[in-house]
Amino acid sequence: MDTQRFTLAVLAVVPLVVACGSEKAGSGSESVDAQRPVTGVDWRVQGITADGATTQARGKPYLAFDAKSGKVGGRLGCNAVNATATVRPAQITLGRPSTTRMMCDASLMSTERALLALFDGRVDYRVDHDTITLTSENGTIVHAVADE
């Protein structure tokens, strides 16, 4: 009789243990927001602040930092870009950019020129959930969101 009770108790508890162990982070209403890493994410540029003026990014520009290769790649609005990128906590050192050489609409080229100001120097960054703010040594500020 005691063996039967033990077996019933185990059979009642096992499904509960399995169910609790299979929950994913963020699946409930009391989820904890995880901080996004800088690398391995396509950061879609939303706006650029340069010389005290903020403009909306044109042409769907994005930047993607790759920790394994030590590079950044993406689009600047019109042209593709690649450069070395050393990512450290709160800081990225970007190398001289290599870009394709297409000419586009003036608004796209304006976005491109502003984004090129990030390269060939140190950039401070702050990640807040799904957004990143990049600030170059010359004061250019880029606001981007993680592309889902």
C-alpha atoms as a PDB file:
ATOM      1  CA  MET A   1       0.000   0.000   0.000  1.00  0.00           C
ATOM      2  CA  ASP A   2       2.831   2.451   0.794  1.00  0.00           C
ATOM      3  CA  THR A   3       4.437   1.670  -2.557  1.00  0.00           C
ATOM      4  CA  GLN A   4       1.199   2.613  -4.318  1.00  0.00           C
ATOM      5  CA  ARG A   5       1.004   5.954  -2.511  1.00  0.00           C
ATOM      6  CA  PHE A   6       4.650   6.689  -3.302  1.00  0.00           C
ATOM      7  CA  THR A   7       4.103   5.868  -6.981  1.00  0.00           C
ATOM      8  CA  LEU A   8       0.994   8.074  -7.128  1.00  0.00           C
ATOM      9  CA  ALA A   9       2.844  10.931  -5.446  1.00  0.00           C
ATOM     10  CA  VAL A  10       5.717  10.672  -7.945  1.00  0.00           C
ATOM     11  CA  LEU A  11       3.306  10.540 -10.869  1.00  0.00           C
ATOM     12  CA  ALA A  12       1.571  13.655  -9.563  1.00  0.00           C
ATOM     13  CA  VAL A  13       4.793  15.630  -8.988  1.00  0.00           C
ATOM     14  CA  VAL A  14       6.785  14.743 -12.132  1.00  0.00           C
ATOM     15  CA  PRO A  15       4.533  16.666 -14.579  1.00  0.00           C
ATOM     16  CA  LEU A  16       4.759  19.737 -12.351  1.00  0.00           C
ATOM     17  CA  VAL A  17       8.558  19.586 -12.250  1.00  0.00           C
ATOM     18  CA  VAL A  18       8.759  19.143 -16.018  1.00  0.00           C
ATOM     19  CA  ALA A  19       6.358  22.028 -16.645  1.00  0.00           C
ATOM     20  CA  CYS A  20       8.260  24.393 -14.356  1.00  0.00           C
ATOM     21  CA  GLY A  21      11.598  23.520 -15.883  1.00  0.00           C
ATOM     22  CA  SER A  22      10.433  24.100 -19.454  1.00  0.00           C
ATOM     23  CA  GLU A  23       9.367  27.736 -19.118  1.00  0.00           C
ATOM     24  CA  LYS A  24      11.219  30.194 -21.283  1.00  0.00           C
ATOM     25  CA  ALA A  25      12.480  33.489 -19.927  1.00  0.00           C
ATOM     26  CA  GLY A  26      10.045  36.227 -20.794  1.00  0.00           C
ATOM     27  CA  SER A  27       7.137  33.853 -21.414  1.00  0.00           C
ATOM     28  CA  GLY A  28       5.037  35.046 -18.488  1.00  0.00           C
ATOM     29  CA  SER A  29       3.497  38.338 -17.545  1.00  0.00           C
ATOM     30  CA  GLU A  30       6.245  38.903 -14.997  1.00  0.00           C
ATOM     31  CA  SER A  31       9.081  38.576 -17.501  1.00  0.00           C
ATOM     32  CA  VAL A  32      12.441  40.151 -16.931  1.00  0.00           C
ATOM     33  CA  ASP A  33      13.765  42.223 -19.834  1.00  0.00           C
ATOM     34  CA  ALA A  34      17.155  40.907 -20.899  1.00  0.00           C
ATOM     35  CA  GLN A  35      19.814  43.338 -21.997  1.00  0.00           C
ATOM     36  CA  ARG A  36      20.675  42.897 -25.683  1.00  0.00           C
ATOM     37  CA  PRO A  37      24.274  42.248 -26.576  1.00  0.00           C
ATOM     38  CA  VAL A  38      25.958  44.703 -28.939  1.00  0.00           C
ATOM     39  CA  THR A  39      27.236  41.928 -31.193  1.00  0.00           C
ATOM     40  CA  GLY A  40      25.086  39.548 -33.202  1.00  0.00           C
ATOM     41  CA  VAL A  41      22.274  42.083 -33.649  1.00  0.00           C
ATOM     42  CA  ASP A  42      21.323  44.151 -36.685  1.00  0.00           C
ATOM     43  CA  TRP A  43      20.959  47.653 -35.236  1.00  0.00           C
ATOM     44  CA  ARG A  44      18.497  49.583 -37.437  1.00  0.00           C
ATOM     45  CA  VAL A  45      19.406  53.286 -37.344  1.00  0.00           C
ATOM     46  CA  GLN A  46      16.457  55.518 -36.451  1.00  0.00           C
ATOM     47  CA  GLY A  47      17.974  58.965 -35.988  1.00  0.00           C
ATOM     48  CA  ILE A  48      21.254  60.858 -36.058  1.00  0.00           C
ATOM     49  CA  THR A  49      22.212  63.938 -34.068  1.00  0.00           C
ATOM     50  CA  ALA A  50      25.067  65.984 -35.530  1.00  0.00           C
ATOM     51  CA  ASP A  51      25.962  69.607 -34.858  1.00  0.00           C
ATOM     52  CA  GLY A  52      23.021  69.866 -32.440  1.00  0.00           C
ATOM     53  CA  ALA A  53      20.380  68.875 -35.023  1.00  0.00           C
ATOM     54  CA  THR A  54      18.579  65.520 -35.028  1.00  0.00           C
ATOM     55  CA  THR A  55      17.425  64.023 -38.309  1.00  0.00           C
ATOM     56  CA  GLN A  56      15.557  60.847 -39.137  1.00  0.00           C
ATOM     57  CA  ALA A  57      17.699  58.227 -40.867  1.00  0.00           C
ATOM     58  CA  ARG A  58      16.852  57.593 -44.521  1.00  0.00           C
ATOM     59  CA  GLY A  59      17.302  54.442 -46.604  1.00  0.00           C
ATOM     60  CA  LYS A  60      16.999  51.770 -43.882  1.00  0.00           C
ATOM     61  CA  PRO A  61      20.588  51.982 -42.587  1.00  0.00           C
ATOM     62  CA  TYR A  62      21.810  49.408 -40.094  1.00  0.00           C
ATOM     63  CA  LEU A  63      25.017  48.295 -38.388  1.00  0.00           C
ATOM     64  CA  ALA A  64      25.901  44.769 -37.265  1.00  0.00           C
ATOM     65  CA  PHE A  65      28.892  44.107 -34.999  1.00  0.00           C
ATOM     66  CA  ASP A  66      30.503  40.656 -35.193  1.00  0.00           C
ATOM     67  CA  ALA A  67      32.631  39.634 -32.194  1.00  0.00           C
ATOM     68  CA  LYS A  68      34.201  36.615 -33.937  1.00  0.00           C
ATOM     69  CA  SER A  69      35.511  38.500 -36.965  1.00  0.00           C
ATOM     70  CA  GLY A  70      36.124  41.769 -35.101  1.00  0.00           C
ATOM     71  CA  LYS A  71      34.230  43.694 -37.777  1.00  0.00           C
ATOM     72  CA  VAL A  72      31.170  45.820 -38.335  1.00  0.00           C
ATOM     73  CA  GLY A  73      29.126  45.692 -41.498  1.00  0.00           C
ATOM     74  CA  GLY A  74      25.884  47.149 -42.703  1.00  0.00           C
ATOM     75  CA  ARG A  75      24.300  49.819 -44.833  1.00  0.00           C
ATOM     76  CA  LEU A  76      24.728  53.553 -44.472  1.00  0.00           C
ATOM     77  CA  GLY A  77      21.568  54.527 -46.289  1.00  0.00           C
ATOM     78  CA  CYS A  78      22.872  54.135 -49.818  1.00  0.00           C
ATOM     79  CA  ASN A  79      26.126  52.181 -49.674  1.00  0.00           C
ATOM     80  CA  ALA A  80      27.303  49.086 -47.827  1.00  0.00           C
ATOM     81  CA  VAL A  81      30.034  49.525 -45.222  1.00  0.00           C
ATOM     82  CA  ASN A  82      32.640  47.323 -43.524  1.00  0.00           C
ATOM     83  CA  ALA A  83      35.310  48.158 -40.959  1.00  0.00           C
ATOM     84  CA  THR A  84      37.195  46.650 -38.066  1.00  0.00           C
ATOM     85  CA  ALA A  85      35.364  46.909 -34.747  1.00  0.00           C
ATOM     86  CA  THR A  86      36.747  46.141 -31.316  1.00  0.00           C
ATOM     87  CA  VAL A  87      33.840  45.950 -28.881  1.00  0.00           C
ATOM     88  CA  ARG A  88      34.551  46.495 -25.201  1.00  0.00           C
ATOM     89  CA  PRO A  89      32.173  47.297 -22.356  1.00  0.00           C
ATOM     90  CA  ALA A  90      30.631  50.726 -23.105  1.00  0.00           C
ATOM     91  CA  GLN A  91      33.090  51.406 -25.946  1.00  0.00           C
ATOM     92  CA  ILE A  92      33.765  50.382 -29.552  1.00  0.00           C
ATOM     93  CA  THR A  93      36.862  51.242 -31.568  1.00  0.00           C
ATOM     94  CA  LEU A  94      35.970  51.466 -35.254  1.00  0.00           C
ATOM     95  CA  GLY A  95      38.511  51.320 -38.054  1.00  0.00           C
ATOM     96  CA  ARG A  96      38.585  53.196 -41.339  1.00  0.00           C
ATOM     97  CA  PRO A  97      35.421  52.336 -43.298  1.00  0.00           C
ATOM     98  CA  SER A  98      35.365  50.567 -46.637  1.00  0.00           C
ATOM     99  CA  THR A  99      32.211  51.312 -48.650  1.00  0.00           C
ATOM    100  CA  THR A 100      30.646  50.663 -51.995  1.00  0.00           C
ATOM    101  CA  ARG A 101      30.556  53.796 -54.163  1.00  0.00           C
ATOM    102  CA  MET A 102      27.032  54.354 -55.393  1.00  0.00           C
ATOM    103  CA  MET A 103      25.457  57.785 -55.629  1.00  0.00           C
ATOM    104  CA  CYS A 104      21.901  58.107 -54.344  1.00  0.00           C
ATOM    105  CA  ASP A 105      19.281  60.686 -53.498  1.00  0.00           C
ATOM    106  CA  ALA A 106      20.584  63.628 -51.455  1.00  0.00           C
ATOM    107  CA  SER A 107      18.672  62.560 -48.304  1.00  0.00           C
ATOM    108  CA  LEU A 108      20.297  59.114 -48.424  1.00  0.00           C
ATOM    109  CA  MET A 109      23.738  60.624 -48.934  1.00  0.00           C
ATOM    110  CA  SER A 110      23.139  62.979 -45.988  1.00  0.00           C
ATOM    111  CA  THR A 111      22.365  59.987 -43.731  1.00  0.00           C
ATOM    112  CA  GLU A 112      25.451  58.252 -45.083  1.00  0.00           C
ATOM    113  CA  ARG A 113      27.788  61.190 -44.375  1.00  0.00           C
ATOM    114  CA  ALA A 114      26.458  61.474 -40.829  1.00  0.00           C
ATOM    115  CA  LEU A 115      26.982  57.740 -40.164  1.00  0.00           C
ATOM    116  CA  LEU A 116      30.502  57.821 -41.600  1.00  0.00           C
ATOM    117  CA  ALA A 117      31.368  60.266 -38.784  1.00  0.00           C
ATOM    118  CA  LEU A 118      31.235  57.282 -36.395  1.00  0.00           C
ATOM    119  CA  PHE A 119      34.126  55.500 -38.078  1.00  0.00           C
ATOM    120  CA  ASP A 120      37.899  55.692 -37.646  1.00  0.00           C
ATOM    121  CA  GLY A 121      37.835  56.334 -33.912  1.00  0.00           C
ATOM    122  CA  ARG A 122      36.304  55.521 -30.559  1.00  0.00           C
ATOM    123  CA  VAL A 123      32.553  55.327 -30.045  1.00  0.00           C
ATOM    124  CA  ASP A 124      30.889  55.151 -26.642  1.00  0.00           C
ATOM    125  CA  TYR A 125      27.679  53.148 -26.482  1.00  0.00           C
ATOM    126  CA  ARG A 126      24.780  52.464 -24.167  1.00  0.00           C
ATOM    127  CA  VAL A 127      22.291  49.627 -24.649  1.00  0.00           C
ATOM    128  CA  ASP A 128      18.854  49.983 -23.099  1.00  0.00           C
ATOM    129  CA  HIS A 129      16.727  46.883 -23.783  1.00  0.00           C
ATOM    130  CA  ASP A 130      16.239  46.934 -27.581  1.00  0.00           C
ATOM    131  CA  THR A 131      17.880  50.290 -28.290  1.00  0.00           C
ATOM    132  CA  ILE A 132      21.488  51.388 -28.595  1.00  0.00           C
ATOM    133  CA  THR A 133      22.927  54.890 -28.508  1.00  0.00           C
ATOM    134  CA  LEU A 134      26.325  55.387 -30.147  1.00  0.00           C
ATOM    135  CA  THR A 135      28.271  58.589 -29.459  1.00  0.00           C
ATOM    136  CA  SER A 136      31.428  59.348 -31.451  1.00  0.00           C
ATOM    137  CA  GLU A 137      34.387  61.417 -30.290  1.00  0.00           C
ATOM    138  CA  ASN A 138      33.242  64.255 -32.566  1.00  0.00           C
ATOM    139  CA  GLY A 139      29.810  64.362 -30.900  1.00  0.00           C
ATOM    140  CA  THR A 140      27.734  62.523 -33.508  1.00  0.00           C
ATOM    141  CA  ILE A 141      24.985  60.532 -31.761  1.00  0.00           C
ATOM    142  CA  VAL A 142      23.240  57.615 -33.466  1.00  0.00           C
ATOM    143  CA  HIS A 143      20.033  56.058 -32.112  1.00  0.00           C
ATOM    144  CA  ALA A 144      19.217  52.533 -33.319  1.00  0.00           C
ATOM    145  CA  VAL A 145      16.870  49.678 -32.442  1.00  0.00           C
ATOM    146  CA  ALA A 146      17.375  45.934 -32.664  1.00  0.00           C
ATOM    147  CA  ASP A 147      15.937  44.604 -35.895  1.00  0.00           C
ATOM    148  CA  GLU A 148      13.634  41.683 -35.164  1.00  0.00           C
END
